[in-house]
């Protein structure tokens, strides 16, 4: 069973901006900026809004049914195409969906989920 590991952290907007400034200062001094991996939200509620039940359902459908396009995914989920496009773009931005883009006539994008579970580690 392949798992997707995600580190989730809570940071205020001020903390995120402070980290950005520190990274810029380090680069100006010729040093490497400290890389922070993971997803950061201002609150647990923000995280809950990002990983909604409908988005988790899309991940499951992609993993189990392997739709060839976003349009097919919307049909399988019995959801509005525009809502699915929005959800997939959010899931892609968070690294939970990979998109395989093809150009054969019209542009076709295939969503890919290559893991069985999501392991979430929450930094406090």
C-alpha atoms as a PDB file:
ATOM      1  CA  UNK A   1       0.000   0.000   0.000  1.00  0.00           C
ATOM      2  CA  UNK A   2       1.477   3.324  -1.073  1.00  0.00           C
ATOM      3  CA  UNK A   3       0.858   6.315   1.192  1.00  0.00           C
ATOM      4  CA  UNK A   4       1.062  10.030   0.497  1.00  0.00           C
ATOM      5  CA  UNK A   5       2.734  11.791   3.435  1.00  0.00           C
ATOM      6  CA  UNK A   6       1.774  15.368   4.128  1.00  0.00           C
ATOM      7  CA  UNK A   7       3.083  17.651   6.833  1.00  0.00           C
ATOM      8  CA  UNK A   8       0.433  20.163   7.839  1.00  0.00           C
ATOM      9  CA  UNK A   9       1.281  23.233   9.878  1.00  0.00           C
ATOM     10  CA  UNK A  10      -0.583  26.157  11.326  1.00  0.00           C
ATOM     11  CA  UNK A  11       0.927  29.617  10.709  1.00  0.00           C
ATOM     12  CA  UNK A  12      -0.514  33.079  10.796  1.00  0.00           C
ATOM     13  CA  UNK A  13      -0.117  35.256   7.737  1.00  0.00           C
ATOM     14  CA  UNK A  14       2.423  37.324   9.697  1.00  0.00           C
ATOM     15  CA  UNK A  15       4.513  34.225  10.496  1.00  0.00           C
ATOM     16  CA  UNK A  16       4.456  33.172   6.836  1.00  0.00           C
ATOM     17  CA  UNK A  17       5.571  36.642   5.729  1.00  0.00           C
ATOM     18  CA  UNK A  18       8.309  36.686   8.375  1.00  0.00           C
ATOM     19  CA  UNK A  19       9.606  33.344   7.049  1.00  0.00           C
ATOM     20  CA  UNK A  20       9.557  34.760   3.516  1.00  0.00           C
ATOM     21  CA  UNK A  21      11.565  37.812   4.604  1.00  0.00           C
ATOM     22  CA  UNK A  22      14.099  35.618   6.457  1.00  0.00           C
ATOM     23  CA  UNK A  23      14.556  33.477   3.336  1.00  0.00           C
ATOM     24  CA  UNK A  24      15.130  36.587   1.219  1.00  0.00           C
ATOM     25  CA  UNK A  25      17.680  37.919   3.710  1.00  0.00           C
ATOM     26  CA  UNK A  26      19.534  34.580   3.719  1.00  0.00           C
ATOM     27  CA  UNK A  27      19.711  34.592  -0.085  1.00  0.00           C
ATOM     28  CA  UNK A  28      21.022  38.178  -0.070  1.00  0.00           C
ATOM     29  CA  UNK A  29      23.824  37.063   2.293  1.00  0.00           C
ATOM     30  CA  UNK A  30      24.697  34.251  -0.113  1.00  0.00           C
ATOM     31  CA  UNK A  31      23.302  31.559   2.178  1.00  0.00           C
ATOM     32  CA  UNK A  32      20.800  28.868   1.381  1.00  0.00           C
ATOM     33  CA  UNK A  33      17.264  29.603   2.486  1.00  0.00           C
ATOM     34  CA  UNK A  34      15.760  27.074   4.859  1.00  0.00           C
ATOM     35  CA  UNK A  35      13.273  24.986   2.893  1.00  0.00           C
ATOM     36  CA  UNK A  36       9.969  24.271   4.594  1.00  0.00           C
ATOM     37  CA  UNK A  37       7.971  21.474   3.105  1.00  0.00           C
ATOM     38  CA  UNK A  38       4.328  20.904   3.802  1.00  0.00           C
ATOM     39  CA  UNK A  39       1.010  22.659   3.716  1.00  0.00           C
ATOM     40  CA  UNK A  40       0.472  25.599   6.021  1.00  0.00           C
ATOM     41  CA  UNK A  41      -2.890  27.038   7.012  1.00  0.00           C
ATOM     42  CA  UNK A  42      -3.906  29.826   9.369  1.00  0.00           C
ATOM     43  CA  UNK A  43      -6.112  27.444  11.353  1.00  0.00           C
ATOM     44  CA  UNK A  44      -7.354  23.874  11.557  1.00  0.00           C
ATOM     45  CA  UNK A  45     -10.616  25.199  10.112  1.00  0.00           C
ATOM     46  CA  UNK A  46      -8.675  26.389   7.048  1.00  0.00           C
ATOM     47  CA  UNK A  47      -7.284  22.873   6.629  1.00  0.00           C
ATOM     48  CA  UNK A  48     -10.790  21.388   6.904  1.00  0.00           C
ATOM     49  CA  UNK A  49     -11.990  23.740   4.180  1.00  0.00           C
ATOM     50  CA  UNK A  50      -9.140  22.599   1.923  1.00  0.00           C
ATOM     51  CA  UNK A  51      -9.680  18.855   2.333  1.00  0.00           C
ATOM     52  CA  UNK A  52     -13.463  18.600   2.102  1.00  0.00           C
ATOM     53  CA  UNK A  53     -15.452  15.351   1.879  1.00  0.00           C
ATOM     54  CA  UNK A  54     -16.242  16.098  -1.791  1.00  0.00           C
ATOM     55  CA  UNK A  55     -12.531  16.497  -2.598  1.00  0.00           C
ATOM     56  CA  UNK A  56     -11.695  13.281  -0.759  1.00  0.00           C
ATOM     57  CA  UNK A  57     -14.425  11.595  -2.796  1.00  0.00           C
ATOM     58  CA  UNK A  58     -12.767  12.852  -6.006  1.00  0.00           C
ATOM     59  CA  UNK A  59      -9.443  11.376  -4.858  1.00  0.00           C
ATOM     60  CA  UNK A  60     -11.158   8.037  -4.256  1.00  0.00           C
ATOM     61  CA  UNK A  61     -12.882   8.048  -7.663  1.00  0.00           C
ATOM     62  CA  UNK A  62      -9.617   8.897  -9.434  1.00  0.00           C
ATOM     63  CA  UNK A  63      -7.779   6.121  -7.567  1.00  0.00           C
ATOM     64  CA  UNK A  64     -10.458   3.466  -8.151  1.00  0.00           C
ATOM     65  CA  UNK A  65     -11.947   4.342 -11.556  1.00  0.00           C
ATOM     66  CA  UNK A  66      -8.982   5.983 -13.387  1.00  0.00           C
ATOM     67  CA  UNK A  67     -10.966   8.578 -15.386  1.00  0.00           C
ATOM     68  CA  UNK A  68      -9.271   9.690 -18.596  1.00  0.00           C
ATOM     69  CA  UNK A  69     -10.366  13.320 -18.232  1.00  0.00           C
ATOM     70  CA  UNK A  70     -11.817  15.882 -15.844  1.00  0.00           C
ATOM     71  CA  UNK A  71     -15.079  15.645 -17.779  1.00  0.00           C
ATOM     72  CA  UNK A  72     -15.253  11.888 -17.153  1.00  0.00           C
ATOM     73  CA  UNK A  73     -14.415  12.477 -13.471  1.00  0.00           C
ATOM     74  CA  UNK A  74     -17.295  14.989 -13.182  1.00  0.00           C
ATOM     75  CA  UNK A  75     -19.642  12.434 -14.749  1.00  0.00           C
ATOM     76  CA  UNK A  76     -18.462   9.643 -12.424  1.00  0.00           C
ATOM     77  CA  UNK A  77     -18.851  11.923  -9.396  1.00  0.00           C
ATOM     78  CA  UNK A  78     -22.220  13.195 -10.655  1.00  0.00           C
ATOM     79  CA  UNK A  79     -21.039  16.759 -10.082  1.00  0.00           C
ATOM     80  CA  UNK A  80     -20.936  20.013 -12.009  1.00  0.00           C
ATOM     81  CA  UNK A  81     -17.883  20.248 -14.283  1.00  0.00           C
ATOM     82  CA  UNK A  82     -16.910  23.732 -13.044  1.00  0.00           C
ATOM     83  CA  UNK A  83     -16.948  22.605  -9.382  1.00  0.00           C
ATOM     84  CA  UNK A  84     -14.804  19.567 -10.209  1.00  0.00           C
ATOM     85  CA  UNK A  85     -12.289  21.716 -12.124  1.00  0.00           C
ATOM     86  CA  UNK A  86     -12.011  24.020  -9.095  1.00  0.00           C
ATOM     87  CA  UNK A  87     -11.585  21.101  -6.682  1.00  0.00           C
ATOM     88  CA  UNK A  88      -8.988  19.388  -8.876  1.00  0.00           C
ATOM     89  CA  UNK A  89      -6.954  22.591  -9.222  1.00  0.00           C
ATOM     90  CA  UNK A  90      -6.909  22.927  -5.415  1.00  0.00           C
ATOM     91  CA  UNK A  91      -5.951  19.271  -4.936  1.00  0.00           C
ATOM     92  CA  UNK A  92      -3.210  19.647  -7.550  1.00  0.00           C
ATOM     93  CA  UNK A  93      -1.852  22.774  -5.851  1.00  0.00           C
ATOM     94  CA  UNK A  94      -1.640  20.823  -2.554  1.00  0.00           C
ATOM     95  CA  UNK A  95       0.166  17.951  -4.290  1.00  0.00           C
ATOM     96  CA  UNK A  96      -2.657  15.453  -3.844  1.00  0.00           C
ATOM     97  CA  UNK A  97      -3.416  15.013  -7.571  1.00  0.00           C
ATOM     98  CA  UNK A  98      -1.019  14.875 -10.494  1.00  0.00           C
ATOM     99  CA  UNK A  99      -2.274  15.944 -13.907  1.00  0.00           C
ATOM    100  CA  UNK A 100      -1.077  14.253 -17.070  1.00  0.00           C
ATOM    101  CA  UNK A 101      -1.653  16.765 -19.833  1.00  0.00           C
ATOM    102  CA  UNK A 102      -1.933  15.675 -23.463  1.00  0.00           C
ATOM    103  CA  UNK A 103      -2.410  17.608 -26.663  1.00  0.00           C
ATOM    104  CA  UNK A 104      -4.201  15.519 -29.241  1.00  0.00           C
ATOM    105  CA  UNK A 105      -6.545  17.849 -31.077  1.00  0.00           C
ATOM    106  CA  UNK A 106      -8.100  19.454 -28.024  1.00  0.00           C
ATOM    107  CA  UNK A 107      -6.298  19.625 -24.734  1.00  0.00           C
ATOM    108  CA  UNK A 108      -6.974  16.622 -22.483  1.00  0.00           C
ATOM    109  CA  UNK A 109      -5.939  16.391 -18.830  1.00  0.00           C
ATOM    110  CA  UNK A 110      -5.939  13.083 -16.964  1.00  0.00           C
ATOM    111  CA  UNK A 111      -6.022  13.221 -13.158  1.00  0.00           C
ATOM    112  CA  UNK A 112      -3.746  10.738 -11.389  1.00  0.00           C
ATOM    113  CA  UNK A 113      -3.723   9.551  -7.768  1.00  0.00           C
ATOM    114  CA  UNK A 114      -0.926   7.022  -7.265  1.00  0.00           C
ATOM    115  CA  UNK A 115      -1.351   6.321  -3.550  1.00  0.00           C
ATOM    116  CA  UNK A 116      -3.845   4.448  -1.359  1.00  0.00           C
ATOM    117  CA  UNK A 117      -3.825   6.507   1.820  1.00  0.00           C
ATOM    118  CA  UNK A 118      -2.908   9.971   3.058  1.00  0.00           C
ATOM    119  CA  UNK A 119      -0.793  10.116   6.208  1.00  0.00           C
ATOM    120  CA  UNK A 120      -1.145  13.546   7.771  1.00  0.00           C
ATOM    121  CA  UNK A 121       1.390  14.795  10.281  1.00  0.00           C
ATOM    122  CA  UNK A 122       0.232  17.981  11.996  1.00  0.00           C
ATOM    123  CA  UNK A 123       2.894  20.274  13.425  1.00  0.00           C
ATOM    124  CA  UNK A 124       1.739  22.249  16.445  1.00  0.00           C
END
